[in-house]
Amino acid sequence: MKDKILKIIPAAIFLTLAIAFIVKFGGRAILKSYIETGIGDCRKIPILCMAPSEEINNLEIDKEYIAGLLEYKFPKIDISIPKGFDIFQEKIKKTYYKKFPRRNRGSAIYIIHMEPDFFVSLFPEIRKQGTNSDFDFMKRTMYAKESDIKNHTDAFFVIMKSIFIPDLGAQKNVKMAQFSISDKRGFINYNLSGPDRYFDCIVFNGQSNFFAIYIKDKGGSLDLNKVLSIISTAKAR
């Protein structure tokens, strides 16, 4: 997942420069047409016209559920996850083994950790427009809509949204929310509509460390409360 981001970032920068040229010499209609041709519109990618529509605050974490999770330690992050999931941090993979072949094949959790101010340092021009932290950066990304593009900054965040949000199944069934639990806050995009469930979690701790946690839950063993409990265990090293 991190490799994907790092590979796409140079292309995103080039595309942003092209967009700036179009804004200067074209207009809103041309800019939207450019984005729709290069990425897609809301009919093709529904989530590009969706935004967080609910807030989850002061949720009581299920300590009994957390006690039954398996703790994994990576070079940059510690996290506890359920049995039956493979877990990856960047190129490191750890697998949960049973005595018998597991039925829940394909369930996996992918995690990325970035130091504070990674994104606003990578795109310093964004700071000049009032985006002063990585949380602000991700908030603008999650709330970006293709239908609301007016200038190159709007277009930039739509591009970022298309990059950061992974496979979530049928997008028309995706829910987007902003959350705050214990010392963490962020955004969660999830799809509970099918036999397989998907959770895309953008998380910041009290020290502004960034975590991206993507969960592919084959067989639908997790719900939103369980995922938020998992998120609460993430710690930066």
Protein backbone atom coordinates (compact mmCIF):
# COMPACT_ATOMS: atom_id res chain seq x y z
CA MET A 1 0.00 0.00 0.00
CA LYS A 2 2.87 2.40 0.86
CA ASP A 3 4.67 1.35 -2.33
CA LYS A 4 1.52 2.21 -4.28
CA ILE A 5 1.40 5.68 -2.73
CA LEU A 6 5.10 6.35 -3.36
CA LYS A 7 4.83 5.22 -6.98
CA ILE A 8 1.77 7.33 -7.68
CA ILE A 9 2.95 10.53 -5.96
CA PRO A 10 5.27 11.65 -8.85
CA ALA A 11 2.41 11.12 -11.31
CA ALA A 12 0.09 13.06 -9.00
CA ILE A 13 2.55 15.96 -8.88
CA PHE A 14 2.81 16.00 -12.68
CA LEU A 15 -0.96 15.83 -13.00
CA THR A 16 -1.37 18.66 -10.51
CA LEU A 17 0.98 20.88 -12.54
CA ALA A 18 -1.03 20.08 -15.65
CA ILE A 19 -4.20 20.97 -13.78
CA ALA A 20 -2.70 24.31 -12.70
CA PHE A 21 -2.00 25.10 -16.36
CA ILE A 22 -5.57 24.22 -17.32
CA VAL A 23 -7.05 26.34 -14.52
CA LYS A 24 -4.98 29.34 -15.61
CA PHE A 25 -5.84 29.08 -19.28
CA GLY A 26 -9.13 27.21 -19.15
CA GLY A 27 -11.88 27.16 -16.58
CA ARG A 28 -13.99 25.06 -14.24
CA ALA A 29 -15.72 23.11 -17.02
CA ILE A 30 -12.43 22.24 -18.70
CA LEU A 31 -10.89 21.29 -15.36
CA LYS A 32 -13.76 18.93 -14.47
CA SER A 33 -13.61 17.39 -17.93
CA TYR A 34 -9.88 16.85 -17.49
CA ILE A 35 -10.41 15.05 -14.16
CA GLU A 36 -13.29 12.95 -15.49
CA THR A 37 -11.20 11.87 -18.47
CA GLY A 38 -8.11 11.08 -16.39
CA ILE A 39 -9.71 9.53 -13.30
CA GLY A 40 -13.45 9.16 -13.78
CA ASP A 41 -16.69 10.79 -12.74
CA CYS A 42 -19.15 10.04 -9.95
CA ARG A 43 -21.04 7.51 -12.03
CA LYS A 44 -17.87 5.49 -12.61
CA ILE A 45 -16.37 6.05 -9.15
CA PRO A 46 -19.25 6.92 -6.76
CA ILE A 47 -16.97 7.63 -3.79
CA LEU A 48 -15.57 10.68 -5.61
CA CYS A 49 -18.89 12.40 -4.81
CA MET A 50 -19.25 11.03 -1.30
CA ALA A 51 -18.05 12.51 1.99
CA PRO A 52 -18.19 11.59 5.70
CA SER A 53 -21.86 11.81 6.69
CA GLU A 54 -21.65 10.72 10.33
CA GLU A 55 -19.49 11.31 13.38
CA ILE A 56 -18.52 8.61 15.86
CA ASN A 57 -17.47 10.08 19.20
CA ASN A 58 -16.83 8.78 22.69
CA LEU A 59 -17.38 5.16 21.71
CA GLU A 60 -16.71 2.80 24.59
CA ILE A 61 -13.94 0.44 23.56
CA ASP A 62 -14.63 -3.26 24.15
CA LYS A 63 -11.74 -4.18 26.48
CA GLU A 64 -12.88 -7.81 26.66
CA TYR A 65 -12.69 -8.05 22.86
CA ILE A 66 -9.22 -6.44 22.82
CA ALA A 67 -8.00 -8.93 25.43
CA GLY A 68 -8.68 -11.75 22.94
CA LEU A 69 -6.66 -10.19 20.11
CA LEU A 70 -3.14 -11.13 19.06
CA GLU A 71 -0.45 -8.49 19.54
CA TYR A 72 1.94 -7.92 16.64
CA LYS A 73 5.14 -5.88 16.82
CA PHE A 74 6.65 -4.30 13.71
CA PRO A 75 9.64 -1.95 13.32
CA LYS A 76 7.36 1.12 13.30
CA ILE A 77 4.09 0.07 14.87
CA ASP A 78 2.46 -2.27 17.38
CA ILE A 79 -1.12 -3.38 16.85
CA SER A 80 -3.48 -6.11 18.05
CA ILE A 81 -5.65 -7.98 15.53
CA PRO A 82 -8.09 -10.92 15.50
CA LYS A 83 -7.08 -14.49 14.80
CA GLY A 84 -7.32 -15.60 11.19
CA PHE A 85 -5.90 -12.48 9.53
CA ASP A 86 -2.61 -12.05 7.71
CA ILE A 87 -1.07 -8.70 8.57
CA PHE A 88 1.32 -6.60 6.51
CA GLN A 89 3.36 -3.52 7.32
CA GLU A 90 4.84 -2.30 4.05
CA LYS A 91 6.70 -5.39 2.75
CA ILE A 92 6.69 -7.28 6.06
CA LYS A 93 4.10 -10.05 6.36
CA LYS A 94 3.08 -11.95 9.47
CA THR A 95 0.63 -14.83 9.28
CA TYR A 96 -1.60 -16.34 11.91
CA TYR A 97 -1.37 -20.15 11.78
CA LYS A 98 -3.78 -22.77 13.10
CA LYS A 99 -3.42 -26.51 13.40
CA PHE A 100 -5.98 -26.85 10.65
CA PRO A 101 -6.28 -24.89 7.38
CA ARG A 102 -8.27 -21.75 8.08
CA ARG A 103 -11.61 -21.33 6.40
CA ASN A 104 -11.32 -17.55 6.27
CA ARG A 105 -8.75 -17.49 3.46
CA GLY A 106 -7.82 -14.08 2.14
CA SER A 107 -8.60 -12.00 5.23
CA ALA A 108 -5.85 -9.45 5.64
CA ILE A 109 -4.90 -6.22 7.38
CA TYR A 110 -2.49 -3.71 5.80
CA ILE A 111 -0.91 -0.96 7.87
CA ILE A 112 1.24 2.07 7.08
CA HIS A 113 2.82 4.50 9.51
CA MET A 114 4.13 7.97 8.69
CA GLU A 115 5.83 10.53 10.92
CA PRO A 116 3.96 13.78 11.72
CA ASP A 117 3.69 16.34 8.87
CA PHE A 118 4.68 13.85 6.17
CA PHE A 119 2.06 14.99 3.66
CA VAL A 120 2.17 18.74 4.26
CA SER A 121 5.96 18.57 3.94
CA LEU A 122 5.64 16.60 0.71
CA PHE A 123 3.24 19.19 -0.73
CA PRO A 124 4.36 22.52 0.85
CA GLU A 125 2.17 24.62 -1.45
CA ILE A 126 -0.87 23.19 0.32
CA ARG A 127 0.20 24.91 3.55
CA LYS A 128 -0.12 28.30 1.90
CA GLN A 129 -3.81 27.55 1.41
CA GLY A 130 -4.56 26.81 5.05
CA THR A 131 -3.82 23.08 5.21
CA ASN A 132 -1.33 23.11 8.07
CA SER A 133 -1.33 19.51 9.32
CA ASP A 134 -1.65 15.99 7.98
CA PHE A 135 -5.04 15.74 9.68
CA ASP A 136 -6.23 18.80 7.73
CA PHE A 137 -4.74 17.26 4.58
CA MET A 138 -6.68 14.03 5.04
CA LYS A 139 -9.86 15.86 6.04
CA ARG A 140 -9.79 17.83 2.79
CA THR A 141 -9.06 14.59 0.93
CA MET A 142 -11.99 12.70 2.47
CA TYR A 143 -14.41 15.60 1.91
CA ALA A 144 -13.23 16.29 -1.66
CA LYS A 145 -15.92 15.82 -4.33
CA GLU A 146 -15.51 15.68 -8.09
CA SER A 147 -18.82 17.51 -8.44
CA ASP A 148 -17.50 20.45 -6.36
CA ILE A 149 -14.29 21.12 -8.29
CA LYS A 150 -13.78 24.87 -8.76
CA ASN A 151 -10.00 25.23 -8.88
CA HIS A 152 -6.75 23.29 -9.06
CA THR A 153 -6.66 22.76 -5.26
CA ASP A 154 -10.07 21.09 -5.35
CA ALA A 155 -8.86 18.93 -8.22
CA PHE A 156 -5.67 18.03 -6.34
CA PHE A 157 -7.62 16.65 -3.38
CA VAL A 158 -9.95 14.68 -5.64
CA ILE A 159 -6.83 13.09 -7.14
CA MET A 160 -5.53 12.32 -3.64
CA LYS A 161 -8.89 10.76 -2.74
CA SER A 162 -8.73 8.48 -5.76
CA ILE A 163 -5.22 7.41 -4.68
CA PHE A 164 -5.77 6.86 -0.96
CA ILE A 165 -9.09 5.01 -0.88
CA PRO A 166 -8.52 1.31 -1.71
CA ASP A 167 -10.95 -1.39 -2.84
CA LEU A 168 -14.10 -1.18 -0.71
CA GLY A 169 -16.35 -3.45 -2.75
CA ALA A 170 -19.47 -1.95 -4.29
CA GLN A 171 -18.88 1.76 -3.73
CA LYS A 172 -22.57 2.68 -3.75
CA ASN A 173 -22.84 0.85 -0.41
CA VAL A 174 -19.82 2.52 1.21
CA LYS A 175 -20.32 4.63 4.35
CA MET A 176 -17.90 7.38 5.33
CA ALA A 177 -17.50 8.66 8.89
CA GLN A 178 -15.26 10.84 11.03
CA PHE A 179 -14.38 9.36 14.42
CA SER A 180 -12.73 10.10 17.73
CA ILE A 181 -11.83 7.34 20.19
CA SER A 182 -9.55 7.56 23.25
CA ASP A 183 -6.37 9.32 22.02
CA LYS A 184 -7.09 8.80 18.32
CA ARG A 185 -9.16 10.51 15.66
CA GLY A 186 -9.56 10.19 11.94
CA PHE A 187 -11.80 8.84 9.21
CA ILE A 188 -13.22 5.42 8.42
CA ASN A 189 -14.74 4.30 5.13
CA TYR A 190 -16.50 0.95 5.32
CA ASN A 191 -18.76 -1.44 3.46
CA LEU A 192 -20.84 -3.96 5.42
CA SER A 193 -23.25 -4.82 2.63
CA GLY A 194 -21.82 -8.10 1.33
CA PRO A 195 -20.52 -11.41 2.65
CA ASP A 196 -17.04 -9.81 2.66
CA ARG A 197 -16.51 -6.58 4.58
CA TYR A 198 -14.05 -3.76 3.93
CA PHE A 199 -12.68 -1.06 6.23
CA ASP A 200 -10.36 1.80 5.24
CA CYS A 201 -9.12 3.64 8.33
CA ILE A 202 -7.17 6.91 8.39
CA VAL A 203 -5.92 7.35 11.95
CA PHE A 204 -3.97 10.00 13.88
CA ASN A 205 -2.79 9.60 17.45
CA GLY A 206 -2.19 12.33 20.02
CA GLN A 207 1.31 12.97 18.66
CA SER A 208 -0.05 13.41 15.10
CA ASN A 209 1.47 10.16 13.84
CA PHE A 210 -0.40 8.92 10.76
CA PHE A 211 -1.66 5.34 10.37
CA ALA A 212 -3.46 3.90 7.37
CA ILE A 213 -5.17 0.62 8.27
CA TYR A 214 -6.98 -1.30 5.53
CA ILE A 215 -8.94 -4.42 6.45
CA LYS A 216 -10.29 -6.98 4.01
CA ASP A 217 -12.58 -9.23 6.05
CA LYS A 218 -13.50 -12.36 4.10
CA GLY A 219 -16.66 -13.83 5.52
CA GLY A 220 -17.66 -10.71 7.46
CA SER A 221 -16.47 -11.53 10.99
CA LEU A 222 -15.93 -7.87 11.95
CA ASP A 223 -18.30 -4.99 12.59
CA LEU A 224 -17.64 -1.29 13.06
CA ASN A 225 -17.21 -1.48 16.84
CA LYS A 226 -14.68 -4.29 16.56
CA VAL A 227 -12.68 -2.41 13.95
CA LEU A 228 -12.59 0.74 16.08
CA SER A 229 -11.40 -1.42 18.99
CA ILE A 230 -8.59 -2.75 16.77
CA ILE A 231 -7.67 0.81 15.77
CA SER A 232 -7.43 1.82 19.42
CA THR A 233 -4.53 -0.65 19.93
CA ALA A 234 -2.27 0.92 17.25
CA LYS A 235 0.90 2.44 18.72
CA ALA A 236 3.83 4.12 16.96
CA ARG A 237 7.31 3.01 17.94
